[in-house]
């Protein structure tokens, strides 16, 4: 689901039981704050969803590196020596709600796979 912020309205309801997986691009950009994103995720966790995958993608400035070297080499170049900078790409799996909420930025976009 990539609906440019409308995920807050779409998912702020009781999700039918037959829906077992939600793949979402979560926009945390004004007027959608981190507080509102956390509230949405809490609602989904109450309904039995859990984040099986959390993706913080590379920022747009890395795309020329990707084009030159390919994904695997570019990822190694970008992550080597960059410590825990917030823009470094990473994937986390099977997160509890507390850990997930800590990963939500004040501003940005994250990709999630939530499953029941």
PDB file of N, CA and C in Angstrom:
ATOM      1  N   UNK A   1       0.852  -1.166   0.000  1.00  0.00           N
ATOM      2  CA  UNK A   1       0.000   0.000   0.000  1.00  0.00           C
ATOM      3  C   UNK A   1       0.896   1.226   0.000  1.00  0.00           C
ATOM      4  N   UNK A   2       0.806   1.995  -1.038  1.00  0.00           N
ATOM      5  CA  UNK A   2       1.547   3.244  -1.152  1.00  0.00           C
ATOM      6  C   UNK A   2       0.533   4.308  -1.546  1.00  0.00           C
ATOM      7  N   UNK A   3      -0.057   4.927  -0.534  1.00  0.00           N
ATOM      8  CA  UNK A   3      -1.161   5.854  -0.785  1.00  0.00           C
ATOM      9  C   UNK A   3      -0.870   7.263  -0.268  1.00  0.00           C
ATOM     10  N   UNK A   4       0.422   7.567  -0.144  1.00  0.00           N
ATOM     11  CA  UNK A   4       0.885   8.928   0.147  1.00  0.00           C
ATOM     12  C   UNK A   4       0.194   9.585   1.344  1.00  0.00           C
ATOM     13  N   UNK A   5       0.197   8.909   2.483  1.00  0.00           N
ATOM     14  CA  UNK A   5      -0.367   9.471   3.701  1.00  0.00           C
ATOM     15  C   UNK A   5      -1.791   9.056   3.994  1.00  0.00           C
ATOM     16  N   UNK A   6      -2.485   8.543   3.010  1.00  0.00           N
ATOM     17  CA  UNK A   6      -3.876   8.147   3.232  1.00  0.00           C
ATOM     18  C   UNK A   6      -3.997   6.827   3.995  1.00  0.00           C
ATOM     19  N   UNK A   7      -2.856   6.171   4.257  1.00  0.00           N
ATOM     20  CA  UNK A   7      -2.899   4.932   5.033  1.00  0.00           C
ATOM     21  C   UNK A   7      -3.493   5.161   6.419  1.00  0.00           C
ATOM     22  N   UNK A   8      -3.368   6.372   6.938  1.00  0.00           N
ATOM     23  CA  UNK A   8      -3.914   6.667   8.257  1.00  0.00           C
ATOM     24  C   UNK A   8      -5.439   6.565   8.262  1.00  0.00           C
ATOM     25  N   UNK A   9      -6.079   7.038   7.217  1.00  0.00           N
ATOM     26  CA  UNK A   9      -7.536   6.940   7.124  1.00  0.00           C
ATOM     27  C   UNK A   9      -7.966   5.521   6.755  1.00  0.00           C
ATOM     28  N   UNK A  10      -7.242   4.898   5.851  1.00  0.00           N
ATOM     29  CA  UNK A  10      -7.621   3.561   5.368  1.00  0.00           C
ATOM     30  C   UNK A  10      -7.501   2.512   6.465  1.00  0.00           C
ATOM     31  N   UNK A  11      -6.445   2.593   7.266  1.00  0.00           N
ATOM     32  CA  UNK A  11      -6.179   1.551   8.266  1.00  0.00           C
ATOM     33  C   UNK A  11      -6.654   1.904   9.666  1.00  0.00           C
ATOM     34  N   UNK A  12      -7.287   3.044   9.822  1.00  0.00           N
ATOM     35  CA  UNK A  12      -7.792   3.447  11.131  1.00  0.00           C
ATOM     36  C   UNK A  12      -9.199   2.911  11.370  1.00  0.00           C
ATOM     37  N   UNK A  13      -9.380   1.644  11.021  1.00  0.00           N
ATOM     38  CA  UNK A  13     -10.657   0.947  11.182  1.00  0.00           C
ATOM     39  C   UNK A  13     -10.351  -0.475  11.644  1.00  0.00           C
ATOM     40  N   UNK A  14     -11.409  -1.234  11.936  1.00  0.00           N
ATOM     41  CA  UNK A  14     -11.214  -2.651  12.207  1.00  0.00           C
ATOM     42  C   UNK A  14     -10.957  -3.353  10.884  1.00  0.00           C
ATOM     43  N   UNK A  15      -9.811  -3.992  10.777  1.00  0.00           N
ATOM     44  CA  UNK A  15      -9.427  -4.688   9.558  1.00  0.00           C
ATOM     45  C   UNK A  15     -10.129  -6.054   9.559  1.00  0.00           C
ATOM     46  N   UNK A  16     -10.812  -6.421   8.472  1.00  0.00           N
ATOM     47  CA  UNK A  16     -11.497  -7.720   8.423  1.00  0.00           C
ATOM     48  C   UNK A  16     -10.527  -8.880   8.710  1.00  0.00           C
ATOM     49  N   UNK A  17     -11.019  -9.895   9.402  1.00  0.00           N
ATOM     50  CA  UNK A  17     -10.195 -11.047   9.786  1.00  0.00           C
ATOM     51  C   UNK A  17      -9.562 -11.741   8.590  1.00  0.00           C
ATOM     52  N   UNK A  18     -10.217 -11.708   7.434  1.00  0.00           N
ATOM     53  CA  UNK A  18      -9.679 -12.403   6.264  1.00  0.00           C
ATOM     54  C   UNK A  18      -8.389 -11.758   5.731  1.00  0.00           C
ATOM     55  N   UNK A  19      -8.111 -10.526   6.156  1.00  0.00           N
ATOM     56  CA  UNK A  19      -6.864  -9.871   5.755  1.00  0.00           C
ATOM     57  C   UNK A  19      -5.785 -10.274   6.746  1.00  0.00           C
ATOM     58  N   UNK A  20      -4.798 -10.997   6.244  1.00  0.00           N
ATOM     59  CA  UNK A  20      -3.749 -11.533   7.107  1.00  0.00           C
ATOM     60  C   UNK A  20      -2.423 -10.786   6.960  1.00  0.00           C
ATOM     61  N   UNK A  21      -2.241 -10.067   5.859  1.00  0.00           N
ATOM     62  CA  UNK A  21      -0.982  -9.376   5.606  1.00  0.00           C
ATOM     63  C   UNK A  21      -1.252  -7.966   5.081  1.00  0.00           C
ATOM     64  N   UNK A  22      -0.500  -7.018   5.610  1.00  0.00           N
ATOM     65  CA  UNK A  22      -0.546  -5.643   5.127  1.00  0.00           C
ATOM     66  C   UNK A  22       0.885  -5.232   4.803  1.00  0.00           C
ATOM     67  N   UNK A  23       1.106  -4.816   3.579  1.00  0.00           N
ATOM     68  CA  UNK A  23       2.396  -4.258   3.162  1.00  0.00           C
ATOM     69  C   UNK A  23       2.159  -2.764   2.975  1.00  0.00           C
ATOM     70  N   UNK A  24       2.923  -1.951   3.665  1.00  0.00           N
ATOM     71  CA  UNK A  24       2.610  -0.534   3.707  1.00  0.00           C
ATOM     72  C   UNK A  24       3.869   0.333   3.596  1.00  0.00           C
ATOM     73  N   UNK A  25       3.734   1.409   2.872  1.00  0.00           N
ATOM     74  CA  UNK A  25       4.721   2.480   2.927  1.00  0.00           C
ATOM     75  C   UNK A  25       4.138   3.493   3.893  1.00  0.00           C
ATOM     76  N   UNK A  26       4.755   3.606   5.048  1.00  0.00           N
ATOM     77  CA  UNK A  26       4.248   4.481   6.105  1.00  0.00           C
ATOM     78  C   UNK A  26       4.915   5.847   5.993  1.00  0.00           C
ATOM     79  N   UNK A  27       4.119   6.861   5.672  1.00  0.00           N
ATOM     80  CA  UNK A  27       4.619   8.220   5.532  1.00  0.00           C
ATOM     81  C   UNK A  27       4.534   8.937   6.875  1.00  0.00           C
ATOM     82  N   UNK A  28       5.662   9.422   7.355  1.00  0.00           N
ATOM     83  CA  UNK A  28       5.703  10.234   8.556  1.00  0.00           C
ATOM     84  C   UNK A  28       6.166  11.619   8.103  1.00  0.00           C
ATOM     85  N   UNK A  29       5.242  12.310   7.490  1.00  0.00           N
ATOM     86  CA  UNK A  29       5.499  13.644   6.947  1.00  0.00           C
ATOM     87  C   UNK A  29       4.294  14.515   7.286  1.00  0.00           C
ATOM     88  N   UNK A  30       4.509  15.809   7.525  1.00  0.00           N
ATOM     89  CA  UNK A  30       3.383  16.670   7.903  1.00  0.00           C
ATOM     90  C   UNK A  30       2.210  16.520   6.942  1.00  0.00           C
ATOM     91  N   UNK A  31       1.009  16.404   7.446  1.00  0.00           N
ATOM     92  CA  UNK A  31       0.586  16.558   8.836  1.00  0.00           C
ATOM     93  C   UNK A  31       0.643  15.258   9.643  1.00  0.00           C
ATOM     94  N   UNK A  32       1.225  14.199   9.117  1.00  0.00           N
ATOM     95  CA  UNK A  32       1.259  12.902   9.796  1.00  0.00           C
ATOM     96  C   UNK A  32       2.529  12.800  10.614  1.00  0.00           C
ATOM     97  N   UNK A  33       2.369  12.845  11.931  1.00  0.00           N
ATOM     98  CA  UNK A  33       3.487  12.888  12.864  1.00  0.00           C
ATOM     99  C   UNK A  33       3.865  11.487  13.344  1.00  0.00           C
ATOM    100  N   UNK A  34       4.996  11.410  14.021  1.00  0.00           N
ATOM    101  CA  UNK A  34       5.413  10.152  14.633  1.00  0.00           C
ATOM    102  C   UNK A  34       4.348   9.671  15.618  1.00  0.00           C
ATOM    103  N   UNK A  35       3.778  10.585  16.381  1.00  0.00           N
ATOM    104  CA  UNK A  35       2.739  10.232  17.355  1.00  0.00           C
ATOM    105  C   UNK A  35       1.558   9.558  16.651  1.00  0.00           C
ATOM    106  N   UNK A  36       1.167  10.092  15.524  1.00  0.00           N
ATOM    107  CA  UNK A  36       0.041   9.522  14.776  1.00  0.00           C
ATOM    108  C   UNK A  36       0.419   8.165  14.173  1.00  0.00           C
ATOM    109  N   UNK A  37       1.661   8.012  13.718  1.00  0.00           N
ATOM    110  CA  UNK A  37       2.119   6.733  13.177  1.00  0.00           C
ATOM    111  C   UNK A  37       2.120   5.668  14.269  1.00  0.00           C
ATOM    112  N   UNK A  38       2.599   6.019  15.446  1.00  0.00           N
ATOM    113  CA  UNK A  38       2.620   5.074  16.567  1.00  0.00           C
ATOM    114  C   UNK A  38       1.198   4.668  16.947  1.00  0.00           C
ATOM    115  N   UNK A  39       0.281   5.626  16.952  1.00  0.00           N
ATOM    116  CA  UNK A  39      -1.128   5.324  17.259  1.00  0.00           C
ATOM    117  C   UNK A  39      -1.704   4.335  16.240  1.00  0.00           C
ATOM    118  N   UNK A  40      -1.406   4.543  14.967  1.00  0.00           N
ATOM    119  CA  UNK A  40      -1.868   3.629  13.921  1.00  0.00           C
ATOM    120  C   UNK A  40      -1.301   2.229  14.141  1.00  0.00           C
ATOM    121  N   UNK A  41      -0.009   2.143  14.423  1.00  0.00           N
ATOM    122  CA  UNK A  41       0.619   0.838  14.637  1.00  0.00           C
ATOM    123  C   UNK A  41       0.068   0.142  15.875  1.00  0.00           C
ATOM    124  N   UNK A  42      -0.186   0.884  16.932  1.00  0.00           N
ATOM    125  CA  UNK A  42      -0.801   0.281  18.140  1.00  0.00           C
ATOM    126  C   UNK A  42      -2.162  -0.308  17.808  1.00  0.00           C
ATOM    127  N   UNK A  43      -2.945   0.418  17.012  1.00  0.00           N
ATOM    128  CA  UNK A  43      -4.260  -0.076  16.597  1.00  0.00           C
ATOM    129  C   UNK A  43      -4.129  -1.391  15.826  1.00  0.00           C
ATOM    130  N   UNK A  44      -3.142  -1.467  14.942  1.00  0.00           N
ATOM    131  CA  UNK A  44      -2.941  -2.694  14.165  1.00  0.00           C
ATOM    132  C   UNK A  44      -2.455  -3.840  15.046  1.00  0.00           C
ATOM    133  N   UNK A  45      -1.602  -3.558  16.019  1.00  0.00           N
ATOM    134  CA  UNK A  45      -1.130  -4.603  16.932  1.00  0.00           C
ATOM    135  C   UNK A  45      -2.280  -5.128  17.793  1.00  0.00           C
ATOM    136  N   UNK A  46      -3.184  -4.242  18.230  1.00  0.00           N
ATOM    137  CA  UNK A  46      -4.360  -4.668  19.003  1.00  0.00           C
ATOM    138  C   UNK A  46      -5.208  -5.640  18.184  1.00  0.00           C
ATOM    139  N   UNK A  47      -5.215  -5.460  16.872  1.00  0.00           N
ATOM    140  CA  UNK A  47      -5.993  -6.330  15.993  1.00  0.00           C
ATOM    141  C   UNK A  47      -5.251  -7.616  15.624  1.00  0.00           C
ATOM    142  N   UNK A  48      -4.077  -7.816  16.208  1.00  0.00           N
ATOM    143  CA  UNK A  48      -3.354  -9.058  15.984  1.00  0.00           C
ATOM    144  C   UNK A  48      -2.243  -9.003  14.953  1.00  0.00           C
ATOM    145  N   UNK A  49      -2.000  -7.853  14.382  1.00  0.00           N
ATOM    146  CA  UNK A  49      -0.908  -7.711  13.418  1.00  0.00           C
ATOM    147  C   UNK A  49       0.413  -7.508  14.150  1.00  0.00           C
ATOM    148  N   UNK A  50       1.483  -8.010  13.559  1.00  0.00           N
ATOM    149  CA  UNK A  50       2.827  -7.785  14.064  1.00  0.00           C
ATOM    150  C   UNK A  50       3.725  -7.443  12.889  1.00  0.00           C
ATOM    151  N   UNK A  51       4.724  -6.619  13.140  1.00  0.00           N
ATOM    152  CA  UNK A  51       5.656  -6.231  12.078  1.00  0.00           C
ATOM    153  C   UNK A  51       6.644  -7.370  11.854  1.00  0.00           C
ATOM    154  N   UNK A  52       6.478  -8.081  10.756  1.00  0.00           N
ATOM    155  CA  UNK A  52       7.422  -9.140  10.426  1.00  0.00           C
ATOM    156  C   UNK A  52       8.630  -8.593   9.688  1.00  0.00           C
ATOM    157  N   UNK A  53       8.475  -7.430   9.040  1.00  0.00           N
ATOM    158  CA  UNK A  53       9.592  -6.803   8.334  1.00  0.00           C
ATOM    159  C   UNK A  53       9.467  -5.287   8.413  1.00  0.00           C
ATOM    160  N   UNK A  54      10.579  -4.636   8.731  1.00  0.00           N
ATOM    161  CA  UNK A  54      10.670  -3.175   8.794  1.00  0.00           C
ATOM    162  C   UNK A  54      11.850  -2.779   7.927  1.00  0.00           C
ATOM    163  N   UNK A  55      11.623  -1.895   6.976  1.00  0.00           N
ATOM    164  CA  UNK A  55      12.684  -1.513   6.046  1.00  0.00           C
ATOM    165  C   UNK A  55      12.891  -0.003   6.085  1.00  0.00           C
ATOM    166  N   UNK A  56      14.126   0.379   6.346  1.00  0.00           N
ATOM    167  CA  UNK A  56      14.546   1.760   6.227  1.00  0.00           C
ATOM    168  C   UNK A  56      15.402   1.802   4.974  1.00  0.00           C
ATOM    169  N   UNK A  57      14.898   2.370   3.919  1.00  0.00           N
ATOM    170  CA  UNK A  57      15.603   2.337   2.648  1.00  0.00           C
ATOM    171  C   UNK A  57      16.723   3.360   2.575  1.00  0.00           C
ATOM    172  N   UNK A  58      17.546   3.200   1.550  1.00  0.00           N
ATOM    173  CA  UNK A  58      18.583   4.183   1.271  1.00  0.00           C
ATOM    174  C   UNK A  58      17.918   5.484   0.849  1.00  0.00           C
ATOM    175  N   UNK A  59      18.551   6.598   1.194  1.00  0.00           N
ATOM    176  CA  UNK A  59      17.959   7.859   0.755  1.00  0.00           C
ATOM    177  C   UNK A  59      18.305   8.105  -0.714  1.00  0.00           C
ATOM    178  N   UNK A  60      17.651   9.074  -1.301  1.00  0.00           N
ATOM    179  CA  UNK A  60      17.789   9.322  -2.739  1.00  0.00           C
ATOM    180  C   UNK A  60      19.215   9.664  -3.159  1.00  0.00           C
ATOM    181  N   UNK A  61      19.998  10.215  -2.269  1.00  0.00           N
ATOM    182  CA  UNK A  61      21.366  10.552  -2.591  1.00  0.00           C
ATOM    183  C   UNK A  61      22.238   9.342  -2.913  1.00  0.00           C
ATOM    184  N   UNK A  62      21.776   8.160  -2.526  1.00  0.00           N
ATOM    185  CA  UNK A  62      22.542   6.944  -2.787  1.00  0.00           C
ATOM    186  C   UNK A  62      22.264   6.338  -4.160  1.00  0.00           C
ATOM    187  N   UNK A  63      21.254   6.790  -4.852  1.00  0.00           N
ATOM    188  CA  UNK A  63      20.889   6.167  -6.127  1.00  0.00           C
ATOM    189  C   UNK A  63      21.989   6.197  -7.184  1.00  0.00           C
ATOM    190  N   UNK A  64      22.778   7.293  -7.293  1.00  0.00           N
ATOM    191  CA  UNK A  64      23.880   7.242  -8.265  1.00  0.00           C
ATOM    192  C   UNK A  64      24.897   6.137  -7.933  1.00  0.00           C
ATOM    193  N   UNK A  65      25.132   5.905  -6.644  1.00  0.00           N
ATOM    194  CA  UNK A  65      26.039   4.828  -6.232  1.00  0.00           C
ATOM    195  C   UNK A  65      25.455   3.474  -6.627  1.00  0.00           C
ATOM    196  N   UNK A  66      24.144   3.329  -6.450  1.00  0.00           N
ATOM    197  CA  UNK A  66      23.474   2.083  -6.848  1.00  0.00           C
ATOM    198  C   UNK A  66      23.641   1.841  -8.342  1.00  0.00           C
ATOM    199  N   UNK A  67      23.467   2.875  -9.132  1.00  0.00           N
ATOM    200  CA  UNK A  67      23.575   2.726 -10.582  1.00  0.00           C
ATOM    201  C   UNK A  67      24.990   2.345 -11.003  1.00  0.00           C
ATOM    202  N   UNK A  68      25.979   2.902 -10.336  1.00  0.00           N
ATOM    203  CA  UNK A  68      27.363   2.615 -10.689  1.00  0.00           C
ATOM    204  C   UNK A  68      27.833   1.227 -10.259  1.00  0.00           C
ATOM    205  N   UNK A  69      27.462   0.820  -9.039  1.00  0.00           N
ATOM    206  CA  UNK A  69      28.044  -0.381  -8.456  1.00  0.00           C
ATOM    207  C   UNK A  69      27.083  -1.550  -8.254  1.00  0.00           C
ATOM    208  N   UNK A  70      25.783  -1.316  -8.387  1.00  0.00           N
ATOM    209  CA  UNK A  70      24.823  -2.377  -8.101  1.00  0.00           C
ATOM    210  C   UNK A  70      24.468  -2.373  -6.619  1.00  0.00           C
ATOM    211  N   UNK A  71      23.372  -3.045  -6.272  1.00  0.00           N
ATOM    212  CA  UNK A  71      22.823  -2.997  -4.917  1.00  0.00           C
ATOM    213  C   UNK A  71      23.779  -3.571  -3.869  1.00  0.00           C
ATOM    214  N   UNK A  72      24.304  -4.750  -4.095  1.00  0.00           N
ATOM    215  CA  UNK A  72      25.141  -5.406  -3.076  1.00  0.00           C
ATOM    216  C   UNK A  72      26.385  -4.569  -2.752  1.00  0.00           C
ATOM    217  N   UNK A  73      27.111  -4.144  -3.770  1.00  0.00           N
ATOM    218  CA  UNK A  73      28.333  -3.363  -3.555  1.00  0.00           C
ATOM    219  C   UNK A  73      28.000  -1.988  -2.976  1.00  0.00           C
ATOM    220  N   UNK A  74      26.951  -1.356  -3.483  1.00  0.00           N
ATOM    221  CA  UNK A  74      26.558  -0.043  -2.976  1.00  0.00           C
ATOM    222  C   UNK A  74      26.180  -0.132  -1.502  1.00  0.00           C
ATOM    223  N   UNK A  75      25.463  -1.167  -1.116  1.00  0.00           N
ATOM    224  CA  UNK A  75      25.071  -1.331   0.289  1.00  0.00           C
ATOM    225  C   UNK A  75      26.315  -1.448   1.167  1.00  0.00           C
ATOM    226  N   UNK A  76      27.294  -2.220   0.723  1.00  0.00           N
ATOM    227  CA  UNK A  76      28.535  -2.371   1.497  1.00  0.00           C
ATOM    228  C   UNK A  76      29.273  -1.040   1.600  1.00  0.00           C
ATOM    229  N   UNK A  77      29.348  -0.316   0.502  1.00  0.00           N
ATOM    230  CA  UNK A  77      30.030   0.984   0.512  1.00  0.00           C
ATOM    231  C   UNK A  77      29.349   1.976   1.460  1.00  0.00           C
ATOM    232  N   UNK A  78      28.034   2.012   1.405  1.00  0.00           N
ATOM    233  CA  UNK A  78      27.280   2.989   2.187  1.00  0.00           C
ATOM    234  C   UNK A  78      27.300   2.655   3.671  1.00  0.00           C
ATOM    235  N   UNK A  79      27.254   1.366   4.006  1.00  0.00           N
ATOM    236  CA  UNK A  79      27.182   0.991   5.414  1.00  0.00           C
ATOM    237  C   UNK A  79      28.547   0.856   6.068  1.00  0.00           C
ATOM    238  N   UNK A  80      29.598   0.674   5.314  1.00  0.00           N
ATOM    239  CA  UNK A  80      30.937   0.538   5.882  1.00  0.00           C
ATOM    240  C   UNK A  80      31.399   1.872   6.453  1.00  0.00           C
ATOM    241  N   UNK A  81      31.723   1.855   7.726  1.00  0.00           N
ATOM    242  CA  UNK A  81      32.260   3.055   8.358  1.00  0.00           C
ATOM    243  C   UNK A  81      31.237   4.129   8.662  1.00  0.00           C
ATOM    244  N   UNK A  82      29.974   3.880   8.397  1.00  0.00           N
ATOM    245  CA  UNK A  82      28.988   4.930   8.656  1.00  0.00           C
ATOM    246  C   UNK A  82      28.306   4.762   9.998  1.00  0.00           C
ATOM    247  N   UNK A  83      28.718   3.776  10.772  1.00  0.00           N
ATOM    248  CA  UNK A  83      28.162   3.607  12.110  1.00  0.00           C
ATOM    249  C   UNK A  83      26.664   3.411  12.097  1.00  0.00           C
ATOM    250  N   UNK A  84      25.985   4.112  12.976  1.00  0.00           N
ATOM    251  CA  UNK A  84      24.536   3.961  13.080  1.00  0.00           C
ATOM    252  C   UNK A  84      23.830   5.229  12.635  1.00  0.00           C
ATOM    253  N   UNK A  85      24.321   5.824  11.582  1.00  0.00           N
ATOM    254  CA  UNK A  85      23.685   7.028  11.053  1.00  0.00           C
ATOM    255  C   UNK A  85      22.242   6.710  10.667  1.00  0.00           C
ATOM    256  N   UNK A  86      21.310   7.620  10.927  1.00  0.00           N
ATOM    257  CA  UNK A  86      19.890   7.337  10.671  1.00  0.00           C
ATOM    258  C   UNK A  86      19.558   7.090   9.209  1.00  0.00           C
ATOM    259  N   UNK A  87      20.403   7.521   8.278  1.00  0.00           N
ATOM    260  CA  UNK A  87      20.123   7.346   6.859  1.00  0.00           C
ATOM    261  C   UNK A  87      20.668   6.045   6.301  1.00  0.00           C
ATOM    262  N   UNK A  88      21.356   5.269   7.110  1.00  0.00           N
ATOM    263  CA  UNK A  88      21.921   4.010   6.639  1.00  0.00           C
ATOM    264  C   UNK A  88      20.792   2.999   6.458  1.00  0.00           C
ATOM    265  N   UNK A  89      20.734   2.321   5.319  1.00  0.00           N
ATOM    266  CA  UNK A  89      19.647   1.374   5.077  1.00  0.00           C
ATOM    267  C   UNK A  89      19.772   0.144   5.961  1.00  0.00           C
ATOM    268  N   UNK A  90      18.621  -0.394   6.375  1.00  0.00           N
ATOM    269  CA  UNK A  90      18.622  -1.636   7.131  1.00  0.00           C
ATOM    270  C   UNK A  90      17.243  -2.277   7.077  1.00  0.00           C
ATOM    271  N   UNK A  91      17.235  -3.544   7.412  1.00  0.00           N
ATOM    272  CA  UNK A  91      15.993  -4.316   7.483  1.00  0.00           C
ATOM    273  C   UNK A  91      15.965  -4.989   8.848  1.00  0.00           C
ATOM    274  N   UNK A  92      14.857  -4.884   9.539  1.00  0.00           N
ATOM    275  CA  UNK A  92      14.670  -5.549  10.834  1.00  0.00           C
ATOM    276  C   UNK A  92      13.491  -6.498  10.686  1.00  0.00           C
ATOM    277  N   UNK A  93      13.527  -7.583  11.451  1.00  0.00           N
ATOM    278  CA  UNK A  93      12.460  -8.585  11.358  1.00  0.00           C
ATOM    279  C   UNK A  93      11.849  -8.864  12.725  1.00  0.00           C
ATOM    280  N   UNK A  94      10.577  -9.248  12.689  1.00  0.00           N
ATOM    281  CA  UNK A  94       9.847  -9.718  13.868  1.00  0.00           C
ATOM    282  C   UNK A  94      10.011  -8.799  15.073  1.00  0.00           C
ATOM    283  N   UNK A  95       9.494  -7.604  14.940  1.00  0.00           N
ATOM    284  CA  UNK A  95       9.629  -6.592  15.985  1.00  0.00           C
ATOM    285  C   UNK A  95       8.427  -6.565  16.908  1.00  0.00           C
ATOM    286  N   UNK A  96       8.685  -6.414  18.193  1.00  0.00           N
ATOM    287  CA  UNK A  96       7.561  -6.171  19.098  1.00  0.00           C
ATOM    288  C   UNK A  96       7.169  -4.700  18.955  1.00  0.00           C
ATOM    289  N   UNK A  97       6.040  -4.343  19.495  1.00  0.00           N
ATOM    290  CA  UNK A  97       5.505  -2.990  19.293  1.00  0.00           C
ATOM    291  C   UNK A  97       6.438  -1.918  19.852  1.00  0.00           C
ATOM    292  N   UNK A  98       7.020  -2.151  21.009  1.00  0.00           N
ATOM    293  CA  UNK A  98       7.921  -1.163  21.608  1.00  0.00           C
ATOM    294  C   UNK A  98       9.120  -0.893  20.713  1.00  0.00           C
ATOM    295  N   UNK A  99       9.763  -1.955  20.240  1.00  0.00           N
ATOM    296  CA  UNK A  99      10.925  -1.786  19.359  1.00  0.00           C
ATOM    297  C   UNK A  99      10.533  -1.117  18.047  1.00  0.00           C
ATOM    298  N   UNK A 100       9.383  -1.493  17.510  1.00  0.00           N
ATOM    299  CA  UNK A 100       8.915  -0.885  16.265  1.00  0.00           C
ATOM    300  C   UNK A 100       8.701   0.619  16.443  1.00  0.00           C
ATOM    301  N   UNK A 101       8.045   1.004  17.529  1.00  0.00           N
ATOM    302  CA  UNK A 101       7.768   2.430  17.761  1.00  0.00           C
ATOM    303  C   UNK A 101       9.056   3.231  17.915  1.00  0.00           C
ATOM    304  N   UNK A 102      10.094   2.631  18.475  1.00  0.00           N
ATOM    305  CA  UNK A 102      11.377   3.319  18.609  1.00  0.00           C
ATOM    306  C   UNK A 102      12.035   3.558  17.246  1.00  0.00           C
ATOM    307  N   UNK A 103      11.741   2.708  16.271  1.00  0.00           N
ATOM    308  CA  UNK A 103      12.326   2.843  14.940  1.00  0.00           C
ATOM    309  C   UNK A 103      11.613   3.859  14.056  1.00  0.00           C
ATOM    310  N   UNK A 104      10.424   4.264  14.465  1.00  0.00           N
ATOM    311  CA  UNK A 104       9.671   5.225  13.662  1.00  0.00           C
ATOM    312  C   UNK A 104      10.340   6.595  13.797  1.00  0.00           C
ATOM    313  N   UNK A 105      10.701   7.203  12.682  1.00  0.00           N
ATOM    314  CA  UNK A 105      11.396   8.494  12.754  1.00  0.00           C
ATOM    315  C   UNK A 105      10.434   9.648  13.007  1.00  0.00           C
ATOM    316  N   UNK A 106      10.983  10.790  13.343  1.00  0.00           N
ATOM    317  CA  UNK A 106      10.178  11.998  13.495  1.00  0.00           C
ATOM    318  C   UNK A 106       9.641  12.427  12.136  1.00  0.00           C
ATOM    319  N   UNK A 107      10.428  12.163  11.102  1.00  0.00           N
ATOM    320  CA  UNK A 107      10.009  12.506   9.742  1.00  0.00           C
ATOM    321  C   UNK A 107      10.668  11.519   8.789  1.00  0.00           C
ATOM    322  N   UNK A 108       9.913  11.042   7.816  1.00  0.00           N
ATOM    323  CA  UNK A 108      10.473  10.138   6.834  1.00  0.00           C
ATOM    324  C   UNK A 108       9.453   9.133   6.325  1.00  0.00           C
ATOM    325  N   UNK A 109       9.962   8.114   5.670  1.00  0.00           N
ATOM    326  CA  UNK A 109       9.123   7.062   5.112  1.00  0.00           C
ATOM    327  C   UNK A 109       9.748   5.727   5.491  1.00  0.00           C
ATOM    328  N   UNK A 110       8.929   4.804   5.934  1.00  0.00           N
ATOM    329  CA  UNK A 110       9.395   3.455   6.246  1.00  0.00           C
ATOM    330  C   UNK A 110       8.446   2.463   5.593  1.00  0.00           C
ATOM    331  N   UNK A 111       8.966   1.290   5.287  1.00  0.00           N
ATOM    332  CA  UNK A 111       8.165   0.234   4.689  1.00  0.00           C
ATOM    333  C   UNK A 111       8.010  -0.896   5.697  1.00  0.00           C
ATOM    334  N   UNK A 112       6.778  -1.392   5.796  1.00  0.00           N
ATOM    335  CA  UNK A 112       6.470  -2.423   6.777  1.00  0.00           C
ATOM    336  C   UNK A 112       5.685  -3.556   6.133  1.00  0.00           C
ATOM    337  N   UNK A 113       5.939  -4.748   6.624  1.00  0.00           N
ATOM    338  CA  UNK A 113       5.061  -5.888   6.342  1.00  0.00           C
ATOM    339  C   UNK A 113       4.521  -6.306   7.697  1.00  0.00           C
ATOM    340  N   UNK A 114       3.202  -6.253   7.837  1.00  0.00           N
ATOM    341  CA  UNK A 114       2.542  -6.645   9.071  1.00  0.00           C
ATOM    342  C   UNK A 114       1.707  -7.879   8.795  1.00  0.00           C
ATOM    343  N   UNK A 115       1.790  -8.867   9.686  1.00  0.00           N
ATOM    344  CA  UNK A 115       1.028 -10.095   9.500  1.00  0.00           C
ATOM    345  C   UNK A 115       0.347 -10.511  10.786  1.00  0.00           C
ATOM    346  N   UNK A 116      -0.787 -11.183  10.609  1.00  0.00           N
ATOM    347  CA  UNK A 116      -1.493 -11.755  11.758  1.00  0.00           C
ATOM    348  C   UNK A 116      -0.994 -13.147  11.993  1.00  0.00           C
TER     349      UNK A 116
END
